[in-house]
Structure formats: C-alpha cells, structure tokens
C-alpha atoms as a PDB file:
ATOM      1  CA  MET A   1      36.637 -16.160 133.313  1.00  0.00           C
ATOM      2  CA  ARG A   2      33.476 -14.293 132.575  1.00  0.00           C
ATOM      3  CA  ILE A   3      30.195 -15.357 130.883  1.00  0.00           C
ATOM      4  CA  ALA A   4      26.689 -13.878 130.389  1.00  0.00           C
ATOM      5  CA  LEU A   5      23.377 -15.730 130.549  1.00  0.00           C
ATOM      6  CA  SER A   6      20.722 -14.133 128.277  1.00  0.00           C
ATOM      7  CA  PHE A   7      17.098 -15.048 127.867  1.00  0.00           C
ATOM      8  CA  ASP A   8      14.738 -14.411 124.931  1.00  0.00           C
ATOM      9  CA  ASP A   9      11.000 -14.123 124.307  1.00  0.00           C
ATOM     10  CA  GLY A  10       9.732 -12.927 127.696  1.00  0.00           C
ATOM     11  CA  PRO A  11       8.416 -11.560 129.869  1.00  0.00           C
ATOM     12  CA  ASN A  12       5.783 -13.870 131.132  1.00  0.00           C
ATOM     13  CA  ASN A  13       4.411 -14.899 134.508  1.00  0.00           C
ATOM     14  CA  ILE A  14       5.149 -18.608 134.178  1.00  0.00           C
ATOM     15  CA  THR A  15       8.771 -19.232 133.366  1.00  0.00           C
ATOM     16  CA  THR A  16      10.324 -15.789 133.828  1.00  0.00           C
ATOM     17  CA  PRO A  17       9.754 -15.849 137.560  1.00  0.00           C
ATOM     18  CA  GLN A  18      11.285 -19.315 137.782  1.00  0.00           C
ATOM     19  CA  VAL A  19      14.452 -18.016 136.079  1.00  0.00           C
ATOM     20  CA  LEU A  20      14.486 -14.994 138.363  1.00  0.00           C
ATOM     21  CA  ASP A  21      14.186 -17.264 141.377  1.00  0.00           C
ATOM     22  CA  LEU A  22      17.355 -19.079 140.344  1.00  0.00           C
ATOM     23  CA  LEU A  23      19.243 -15.890 139.559  1.00  0.00           C
ATOM     24  CA  GLU A  24      18.193 -14.561 143.084  1.00  0.00           C
ATOM     25  CA  GLU A  25      19.162 -17.729 144.801  1.00  0.00           C
ATOM     26  CA  HIS A  26      22.601 -17.772 143.266  1.00  0.00           C
ATOM     27  CA  ARG A  27      23.034 -13.952 143.341  1.00  0.00           C
ATOM     28  CA  ILE A  28      23.895 -13.602 139.682  1.00  0.00           C
ATOM     29  CA  PRO A  29      22.545 -11.264 137.024  1.00  0.00           C
ATOM     30  CA  ALA A  30      21.528 -12.012 133.413  1.00  0.00           C
ATOM     31  CA  SER A  31      20.245 -10.153 130.388  1.00  0.00           C
ATOM     32  CA  PHE A  32      16.695 -10.386 129.130  1.00  0.00           C
ATOM     33  CA  PHE A  33      15.856  -9.672 125.487  1.00  0.00           C
ATOM     34  CA  LEU A  34      12.131  -8.847 125.486  1.00  0.00           C
ATOM     35  CA  ILE A  35       9.423  -8.986 122.920  1.00  0.00           C
ATOM     36  CA  ALA A  36       7.443  -5.815 123.032  1.00  0.00           C
ATOM     37  CA  ASN A  37       4.146  -7.659 122.600  1.00  0.00           C
ATOM     38  CA  ASN A  38       4.827  -9.457 125.760  1.00  0.00           C
ATOM     39  CA  ILE A  39       5.414  -6.338 127.779  1.00  0.00           C
ATOM     40  CA  VAL A  40       1.931  -5.683 129.282  1.00  0.00           C
ATOM     41  CA  PRO A  41       0.760  -4.437 132.661  1.00  0.00           C
ATOM     42  CA  GLU A  42       0.475  -7.996 133.945  1.00  0.00           C
ATOM     43  CA  THR A  43       4.157  -8.710 133.211  1.00  0.00           C
ATOM     44  CA  GLU A  44       5.744  -5.434 134.177  1.00  0.00           C
ATOM     45  CA  GLY A  45       6.409  -6.788 137.642  1.00  0.00           C
ATOM     46  CA  GLN A  46       8.873  -9.411 136.226  1.00  0.00           C
ATOM     47  CA  ILE A  47      10.840  -6.714 134.450  1.00  0.00           C
ATOM     48  CA  ARG A  48      11.053  -4.659 137.634  1.00  0.00           C
ATOM     49  CA  ARG A  49      12.113  -7.722 139.663  1.00  0.00           C
ATOM     50  CA  ALA A  50      14.806  -8.475 137.066  1.00  0.00           C
ATOM     51  CA  LEU A  51      16.153  -4.941 137.365  1.00  0.00           C
ATOM     52  CA  SER A  52      16.184  -5.179 141.204  1.00  0.00           C
ATOM     53  CA  LEU A  53      18.396  -8.281 140.863  1.00  0.00           C
ATOM     54  CA  GLY A  54      20.941  -6.418 138.729  1.00  0.00           C
ATOM     55  CA  CYS A  55      19.744  -7.679 135.383  1.00  0.00           C
ATOM     56  CA  ASP A  56      19.520  -5.618 132.126  1.00  0.00           C
ATOM     57  CA  ILE A  57      16.698  -5.489 129.657  1.00  0.00           C
ATOM     58  CA  GLU A  58      17.356  -5.431 125.922  1.00  0.00           C
ATOM     59  CA  ASN A  59      15.550  -5.404 122.539  1.00  0.00           C
ATOM     60  CA  HIS A  60      14.169  -8.513 120.730  1.00  0.00           C
ATOM     61  CA  SER A  61      11.594  -6.606 118.464  1.00  0.00           C
ATOM     62  CA  ILE A  62       7.830  -6.053 118.789  1.00  0.00           C
ATOM     63  CA  THR A  63       6.505  -9.163 117.008  1.00  0.00           C
ATOM     64  CA  HIS A  64       9.427 -11.649 116.706  1.00  0.00           C
ATOM     65  CA  ARG A  65       9.060 -11.783 112.899  1.00  0.00           C
ATOM     66  CA  PRO A  66      12.155 -12.451 110.744  1.00  0.00           C
ATOM     67  CA  MET A  67      13.491  -8.969 110.004  1.00  0.00           C
ATOM     68  CA  ALA A  68      16.199  -9.434 107.473  1.00  0.00           C
ATOM     69  CA  GLU A  69      13.982  -8.620 104.454  1.00  0.00           C
ATOM     70  CA  MET A  70      11.748  -6.022 106.107  1.00  0.00           C
ATOM     71  CA  PRO A  71      11.681  -2.544 104.601  1.00  0.00           C
ATOM     72  CA  ALA A  72      13.749  -0.054 106.578  1.00  0.00           C
ATOM     73  CA  GLU A  73      10.667   1.769 107.993  1.00  0.00           C
ATOM     74  CA  GLU A  74       9.277  -1.526 109.409  1.00  0.00           C
ATOM     75  CA  ILE A  75      12.571  -2.342 110.889  1.00  0.00           C
ATOM     76  CA  LYS A  76      12.794   1.083 112.605  1.00  0.00           C
ATOM     77  CA  GLU A  77       9.305   0.640 113.996  1.00  0.00           C
ATOM     78  CA  GLU A  78      10.047  -2.799 115.434  1.00  0.00           C
ATOM     79  CA  ILE A  79      13.110  -1.383 117.194  1.00  0.00           C
ATOM     80  CA  ARG A  80      11.548   1.894 118.258  1.00  0.00           C
ATOM     81  CA  VAL A  81       8.413   0.524 119.876  1.00  0.00           C
ATOM     82  CA  CYS A  82      10.265  -2.214 121.716  1.00  0.00           C
ATOM     83  CA  SER A  83      12.943   0.215 123.040  1.00  0.00           C
ATOM     84  CA  GLU A  84      10.286   2.774 124.089  1.00  0.00           C
ATOM     85  CA  LYS A  85       8.259   0.228 125.983  1.00  0.00           C
ATOM     86  CA  ILE A  86      11.396  -0.979 127.797  1.00  0.00           C
ATOM     87  CA  ALA A  87      12.475   2.524 128.546  1.00  0.00           C
ATOM     88  CA  ALA A  88       9.191   3.452 129.978  1.00  0.00           C
ATOM     89  CA  ILE A  89       9.715   0.846 132.713  1.00  0.00           C
ATOM     90  CA  THR A  90      13.499   0.786 133.105  1.00  0.00           C
ATOM     91  CA  GLY A  91      14.276   4.515 132.445  1.00  0.00           C
ATOM     92  CA  GLU A  92      16.973   3.448 129.909  1.00  0.00           C
ATOM     93  CA  CYS A  93      16.879   2.590 126.198  1.00  0.00           C
ATOM     94  CA  PRO A  94      18.370  -0.766 125.289  1.00  0.00           C
ATOM     95  CA  ARG A  95      21.842  -0.807 123.797  1.00  0.00           C
ATOM     96  CA  PHE A  96      21.755  -4.357 122.474  1.00  0.00           C
ATOM     97  CA  PHE A  97      19.488  -6.195 120.066  1.00  0.00           C
ATOM     98  CA  ARG A  98      18.925  -9.891 119.309  1.00  0.00           C
ATOM     99  CA  PRO A  99      17.417 -10.311 115.832  1.00  0.00           C
ATOM    100  CA  PRO A 100      14.462 -12.757 115.833  1.00  0.00           C
ATOM    101  CA  PHE A 101      15.586 -16.182 114.516  1.00  0.00           C
ATOM    102  CA  ILE A 102      19.050 -14.608 114.268  1.00  0.00           C
ATOM    103  CA  SER A 103      17.899 -13.452 110.801  1.00  0.00           C
ATOM    104  CA  VAL A 104      20.250 -10.704 109.697  1.00  0.00           C
ATOM    105  CA  SER A 105      21.152  -8.835 106.484  1.00  0.00           C
ATOM    106  CA  PRO A 106      23.269  -5.793 105.464  1.00  0.00           C
ATOM    107  CA  ALA A 107      20.112  -3.720 105.502  1.00  0.00           C
ATOM    108  CA  LEU A 108      19.315  -4.702 109.058  1.00  0.00           C
ATOM    109  CA  PHE A 109      22.824  -3.846 110.205  1.00  0.00           C
ATOM    110  CA  ASP A 110      22.585  -0.479 108.426  1.00  0.00           C
ATOM    111  CA  THR A 111      19.184   0.337 110.000  1.00  0.00           C
ATOM    112  CA  VAL A 112      19.537  -0.735 113.532  1.00  0.00           C
ATOM    113  CA  ASP A 113      21.903   1.356 115.662  1.00  0.00           C
ATOM    114  CA  LEU A 114      22.317  -1.221 118.389  1.00  0.00           C
ATOM    115  CA  THR A 115      24.925  -3.913 119.069  1.00  0.00           C
ATOM    116  CA  PHE A 116      23.704  -7.288 117.592  1.00  0.00           C
ATOM    117  CA  ILE A 117      23.879 -10.299 119.909  1.00  0.00           C
ATOM    118  CA  CYS A 118      23.441 -13.960 118.837  1.00  0.00           C
ATOM    119  CA  GLY A 119      24.898 -16.205 121.561  1.00  0.00           C
ATOM    120  CA  VAL A 120      25.819 -19.835 122.198  1.00  0.00           C
ATOM    121  CA  GLY A 121      22.608 -21.846 122.323  1.00  0.00           C
ATOM    122  CA  CYS A 122      21.485 -25.370 123.185  1.00  0.00           C
ATOM    123  CA  GLU A 123      18.290 -25.499 121.084  1.00  0.00           C
ATOM    124  CA  ASP A 124      16.338 -24.829 124.201  1.00  0.00           C
ATOM    125  CA  TRP A 125      13.377 -23.516 122.139  1.00  0.00           C
ATOM    126  CA  VAL A 126      12.910 -27.175 120.981  1.00  0.00           C
ATOM    127  CA  PRO A 127      10.659 -28.978 123.524  1.00  0.00           C
ATOM    128  CA  GLU A 128      12.194 -32.368 122.556  1.00  0.00           C
ATOM    129  CA  VAL A 129      15.688 -31.376 123.732  1.00  0.00           C
ATOM    130  CA  PRO A 130      15.802 -32.711 127.289  1.00  0.00           C
ATOM    131  CA  ALA A 131      17.292 -30.848 130.236  1.00  0.00           C
ATOM    132  CA  GLU A 132      20.275 -33.300 130.310  1.00  0.00           C
ATOM    133  CA  GLU A 133      21.197 -32.440 126.702  1.00  0.00           C
ATOM    134  CA  ARG A 134      20.873 -28.748 127.380  1.00  0.00           C
ATOM    135  CA  ILE A 135      23.184 -29.142 130.399  1.00  0.00           C
ATOM    136  CA  ARG A 136      25.748 -30.986 128.347  1.00  0.00           C
ATOM    137  CA  ARG A 137      25.807 -28.368 125.538  1.00  0.00           C
ATOM    138  CA  ILE A 138      25.929 -25.379 127.945  1.00  0.00           C
ATOM    139  CA  LEU A 139      28.818 -26.818 129.850  1.00  0.00           C
ATOM    140  CA  GLU A 140      30.713 -27.912 126.797  1.00  0.00           C
ATOM    141  CA  ALA A 141      30.535 -24.323 125.419  1.00  0.00           C
ATOM    142  CA  ALA A 142      31.769 -22.633 128.480  1.00  0.00           C
ATOM    143  CA  ALA A 143      34.639 -20.266 127.757  1.00  0.00           C
ATOM    144  CA  ASP A 144      35.765 -16.774 128.698  1.00  0.00           C
ATOM    145  CA  GLY A 145      33.582 -14.103 127.000  1.00  0.00           C
ATOM    146  CA  VAL A 146      30.720 -16.457 126.007  1.00  0.00           C
ATOM    147  CA  ILE A 147      27.138 -15.107 125.814  1.00  0.00           C
ATOM    148  CA  TYR A 148      24.594 -17.887 126.266  1.00  0.00           C
ATOM    149  CA  LEU A 149      21.331 -17.731 124.203  1.00  0.00           C
ATOM    150  CA  LEU A 150      18.556 -19.290 126.321  1.00  0.00           C
ATOM    151  CA  HIS A 151      14.787 -18.782 126.450  1.00  0.00           C
ATOM    152  CA  ASP A 152      12.435 -17.905 129.334  1.00  0.00           C
ATOM    153  CA  MET A 153       9.339 -18.451 127.079  1.00  0.00           C
ATOM    154  CA  ALA A 154       6.277 -19.700 128.940  1.00  0.00           C
ATOM    155  CA  GLY A 155       6.468 -23.403 129.758  1.00  0.00           C
ATOM    156  CA  ASN A 156      10.215 -23.821 129.022  1.00  0.00           C
ATOM    157  CA  ILE A 157      10.708 -25.950 132.188  1.00  0.00           C
ATOM    158  CA  ASN A 158      13.618 -27.967 130.692  1.00  0.00           C
ATOM    159  CA  THR A 159      15.777 -24.868 130.643  1.00  0.00           C
ATOM    160  CA  VAL A 160      14.816 -24.040 134.254  1.00  0.00           C
ATOM    161  CA  GLU A 161      15.896 -27.591 135.229  1.00  0.00           C
ATOM    162  CA  ALA A 162      19.126 -27.253 133.277  1.00  0.00           C
ATOM    163  CA  LEU A 163      19.924 -23.980 135.009  1.00  0.00           C
ATOM    164  CA  LYS A 164      19.635 -25.708 138.360  1.00  0.00           C
ATOM    165  CA  VAL A 165      22.670 -27.765 137.403  1.00  0.00           C
ATOM    166  CA  VAL A 166      24.737 -25.470 135.147  1.00  0.00           C
ATOM    167  CA  ILE A 167      24.776 -22.377 137.327  1.00  0.00           C
ATOM    168  CA  PRO A 168      26.408 -24.089 140.305  1.00  0.00           C
ATOM    169  CA  GLU A 169      28.689 -26.080 138.071  1.00  0.00           C
ATOM    170  CA  LEU A 170      29.921 -23.037 136.177  1.00  0.00           C
ATOM    171  CA  LYS A 171      30.436 -21.268 139.449  1.00  0.00           C
ATOM    172  CA  LYS A 172      32.455 -24.278 140.590  1.00  0.00           C
ATOM    173  CA  ARG A 173      34.543 -23.961 137.498  1.00  0.00           C
ATOM    174  CA  GLY A 174      35.370 -20.386 138.407  1.00  0.00           C
ATOM    175  CA  PHE A 175      33.138 -18.457 136.012  1.00  0.00           C
ATOM    176  CA  GLU A 176      31.859 -14.972 136.905  1.00  0.00           C
ATOM    177  CA  PHE A 177      28.319 -14.187 135.712  1.00  0.00           C
ATOM    178  CA  LEU A 178      27.767 -10.814 134.231  1.00  0.00           C
ATOM    179  CA  THR A 179      25.097  -9.072 132.100  1.00  0.00           C
ATOM    180  CA  VAL A 180      25.868  -8.603 128.418  1.00  0.00           C
ATOM    181  CA  PRO A 181      26.764  -4.955 128.786  1.00  0.00           C
ATOM    182  CA  GLN A 182      28.996  -5.808 131.828  1.00  0.00           C
ATOM    183  CA  LEU A 183      30.679  -8.555 129.858  1.00  0.00           C
ATOM    184  CA  PHE A 184      31.789  -6.180 127.080  1.00  0.00           C
ATOM    185  CA  GLU A 185      32.865  -3.564 129.630  1.00  0.00           C
ATOM    186  CA  GLN A 186      34.839  -5.896 131.990  1.00  0.00           C
ATOM    187  CA  CYS A 187      36.470  -7.718 129.047  1.00  0.00           C
ATOM    188  CA  GLY A 188      37.557  -4.310 127.632  1.00  0.00           C
ATOM    189  CA  VAL A 189      35.813  -4.894 124.288  1.00  0.00           C
ATOM    190  CA  THR A 190      34.158  -2.046 122.324  1.00  0.00           C
ATOM    191  CA  PRO A 191      31.366  -3.605 120.157  1.00  0.00           C
ATOM    192  CA  VAL A 192      31.883  -3.190 116.399  1.00  0.00           C
ATOM    193  CA  ARG A 193      29.007  -2.141 114.207  1.00  0.00           C
ATOM    194  CA  GLY A 194      27.988  -4.643 111.642  1.00  0.00           C
ATOM    195  CA  ARG A 195      29.044  -7.593 113.695  1.00  0.00           C
ATOM    196  CA  ILE A 196      26.873 -10.096 115.667  1.00  0.00           C
ATOM    197  CA  TYR A 197      28.351 -11.486 118.841  1.00  0.00           C
ATOM    198  CA  SER A 198      28.286 -14.943 120.548  1.00  0.00           C
ATOM    199  CA  ASN A 199      31.488 -14.228 122.402  1.00  0.00           C
ATOM    200  CA  VAL A 200      32.750 -10.766 123.092  1.00  0.00           C
ATOM    201  CA  PHE A 201      36.313 -11.829 121.971  1.00  0.00           C
ATOM    202  CA  GLN A 202      35.260 -13.027 118.560  1.00  0.00           C
ATOM    203  CA  THR A 203      37.146 -11.460 115.702  1.00  0.00           C
ATOM    204  CA  ALA A 204      34.681 -12.107 112.808  1.00  0.00           C
END
C-alpha cells in the first residue's frame, strides 16, 4: 500500500524545517507545493534540504489567489513564474500543480499543462482543528494511492504534532511513503489531462 504526503504554502523557516525534521527522522519523502512569493533567498535552504531528503518540489502559483476565473494570460504567468523560480533551485520544472483553494474551471485545465492535484485533507489550515482531530481524519482516510493534502505554512504546529503520530502509525499499518510523482509511477498510473487527483486510482 502506497501513499504520498504533500504540503502546501511553503517554504518558510518556521514550520517547514519542523516537517523536514520528521521526514528525515522517519526516512520518508514528501511533495511540497510552493508559493513563488515565499521562495526567497532566506528560504532557499529549506528547498535544498527537502531535495536532499528525496522530496520533490511542485507548483502552487505565485500569489495563492483563486485562479478559476483568471484570464488565460494571468494564469500562464502564475504558473510560469512559480515553475521558473523552482527550476532555478532544483534544476527541474514542476510536473504537478495544486490550484489555490482547489478552485478550478475548464479554462484553468485548458491553460495549465501540468497534472492537477487536490488530495485528502483534514482542514489543517484551520487553527481551531486540533492535532487529535487531524490525526483521526488522516488515519481514517488511509488507502492505497491516497495523496494527503497538508500545510507547512508558518506556525501550523498542530500538523507537526499530528505527523508525529500518523507517520509511525501508517508505517505500522504497512504503508509505503512516496512522493506524488513516485506514487503515480509505482502505481502504474498515467495522469489524465483535465482531471484533479486525490487518489491516483480515482476514475472520475
């Protein structure tokens, strides 16, 4: 059974290193969907460390504005700038995109030539959702092919605390942790254009 942890809204020098500490401790990779405005010289070290741990870096736009109703040229700019900033550090252009707020439209699918990722979340962007509830939701959703949608935004300590429990528990249950690209590859799934994925095996 295979799963992928993915994290949105970084990088930063507060929560991102705490997440990376846990990944390093448990020797597992994850995928990070970055906001280009957060990619600055002060945070580049977090990206390089993630790469050194076998993680991959993907696109989450420049500004994190809802993109469904944007004109095509604005959409292209949001994607281009974010991908170029990532490639300047990693040497590779992202292949996957998580739309901000999971706001999508036919125009967005037509304009963005990347695989769209949603993911199974636990409302971990809501400060009032405690670590215990995040743990419950993450474990309840565990299944082969699942992509988890989590956040390493600055100060999101409840997700860090939840990960301290769910990573060893999911390991105990026999789950293998992969990056999002690895998950598609190892599950033998070719992404379909015009679809947004929370599980690589989903059919709609």
